[in-house]
Amino acid sequence: MLQSIDIKDLKLMNRDRILEELRTILHDTFEIDPAEVTPAANLFTDLELDSIDAVDLAIRLQKLTGKRIKPDEFKTVRTVDDVIKSVEALLAQ
């Protein structure tokens, strides 16, 4: 289940915290073992997400950050590290 995060906490999220949030989201939403969610893991080949799952992930990240993810930017996301970078960019806005 997505936890409610205070907006002040979002600005302080570092890469490790973002990774932990991603592990929670991927486990709760897609039943992916958190140990498999590493920065190098490919969302599609390693974690077996499909394009509909990617859209669902983007929606959950929007809920987490409170910011809209541009579809064109999220199309280039392939790895967990790419997702972390996208979240970092959103939080920096």
Protein backbone atom coordinates (compact mmCIF):
# COMPACT_ATOMS: atom_id res chain seq x y z
CA MET A 1 0.00 0.00 0.00
CA LEU A 2 1.29 3.46 -0.86
CA GLN A 3 2.26 5.38 2.20
CA SER A 4 1.30 8.99 2.61
CA ILE A 5 4.46 11.06 2.50
CA ASP A 6 4.64 14.62 3.74
CA ILE A 7 5.59 17.04 0.94
CA LYS A 8 8.61 18.21 2.99
CA ASP A 9 9.82 14.60 3.10
CA LEU A 10 9.59 14.36 -0.68
CA LYS A 11 12.09 17.15 -1.19
CA LEU A 12 14.50 15.32 1.11
CA MET A 13 14.24 11.96 -0.67
CA ASN A 14 17.62 10.65 -1.73
CA ARG A 15 18.29 7.87 -4.23
CA ASP A 16 18.12 5.17 -1.53
CA ARG A 17 14.76 6.41 -0.25
CA ILE A 18 13.38 6.62 -3.79
CA LEU A 19 14.59 3.05 -4.42
CA GLU A 20 12.84 1.86 -1.25
CA GLU A 21 9.61 3.56 -2.34
CA LEU A 22 9.91 1.92 -5.77
CA ARG A 23 10.43 -1.47 -4.15
CA THR A 24 7.25 -0.94 -2.14
CA ILE A 25 5.24 0.23 -5.16
CA LEU A 26 6.46 -2.61 -7.39
CA HIS A 27 5.83 -5.21 -4.69
CA ASP A 28 2.39 -3.92 -3.71
CA THR A 29 1.23 -3.32 -7.29
CA PHE A 30 2.88 -6.09 -9.29
CA GLU A 31 3.97 -8.58 -6.60
CA ILE A 32 7.63 -8.20 -7.57
CA ASP A 33 10.15 -9.42 -5.01
CA PRO A 34 11.82 -6.29 -3.57
CA ALA A 35 15.22 -8.03 -3.81
CA GLU A 36 14.85 -8.05 -7.61
CA VAL A 37 14.35 -4.27 -7.71
CA THR A 38 17.90 -3.01 -8.17
CA PRO A 39 19.03 0.11 -10.03
CA ALA A 40 20.32 -2.02 -12.93
CA ALA A 41 17.11 -4.05 -13.27
CA ASN A 42 15.32 -3.58 -16.58
CA LEU A 43 11.63 -2.93 -16.00
CA PHE A 44 10.58 -5.00 -19.00
CA THR A 45 13.05 -7.87 -19.28
CA ASP A 46 14.10 -8.36 -15.65
CA LEU A 47 10.93 -7.33 -13.80
CA GLU A 48 8.57 -8.42 -16.61
CA LEU A 49 6.47 -5.26 -16.73
CA ASP A 50 4.55 -4.53 -19.92
CA SER A 51 3.51 -1.17 -21.38
CA ILE A 52 0.25 -1.10 -19.40
CA ASP A 53 2.20 -1.82 -16.20
CA ALA A 54 4.54 1.07 -17.07
CA VAL A 55 1.56 3.42 -17.33
CA ASP A 56 0.30 2.17 -13.96
CA LEU A 57 3.76 2.75 -12.48
CA ALA A 58 3.82 6.30 -13.87
CA ILE A 59 0.42 6.99 -12.28
CA ARG A 60 1.63 5.69 -8.92
CA LEU A 61 4.75 7.86 -9.16
CA GLN A 62 2.54 10.86 -9.87
CA LYS A 63 0.58 10.08 -6.72
CA LEU A 64 3.82 9.68 -4.77
CA THR A 65 5.36 12.95 -5.96
CA GLY A 66 2.21 14.98 -6.50
CA LYS A 67 3.64 16.01 -9.88
CA ARG A 68 2.63 15.09 -13.41
CA ILE A 69 4.98 12.87 -15.37
CA LYS A 70 5.19 13.78 -19.05
CA PRO A 71 4.48 10.66 -21.15
CA ASP A 72 7.28 11.49 -23.61
CA GLU A 73 9.83 11.62 -20.81
CA PHE A 74 8.63 8.35 -19.27
CA LYS A 75 8.82 6.54 -22.64
CA THR A 76 12.62 6.51 -22.39
CA VAL A 77 12.59 4.84 -18.97
CA ARG A 78 13.97 1.30 -19.16
CA THR A 79 15.67 0.56 -15.84
CA VAL A 80 14.93 1.14 -12.18
CA ASP A 81 17.77 3.69 -12.22
CA ASP A 82 15.96 5.56 -15.02
CA VAL A 83 12.86 5.70 -12.81
CA ILE A 84 14.94 7.00 -9.88
CA LYS A 85 16.38 9.74 -12.12
CA SER A 86 12.87 10.66 -13.33
CA VAL A 87 11.63 10.97 -9.74
CA GLU A 88 14.68 13.04 -8.79
CA ALA A 89 13.98 15.37 -11.73
CA LEU A 90 10.33 15.71 -10.71
CA LEU A 91 11.24 16.50 -7.12
CA ALA A 92 13.78 19.11 -8.25
CA GLN A 93 11.06 21.07 -10.09
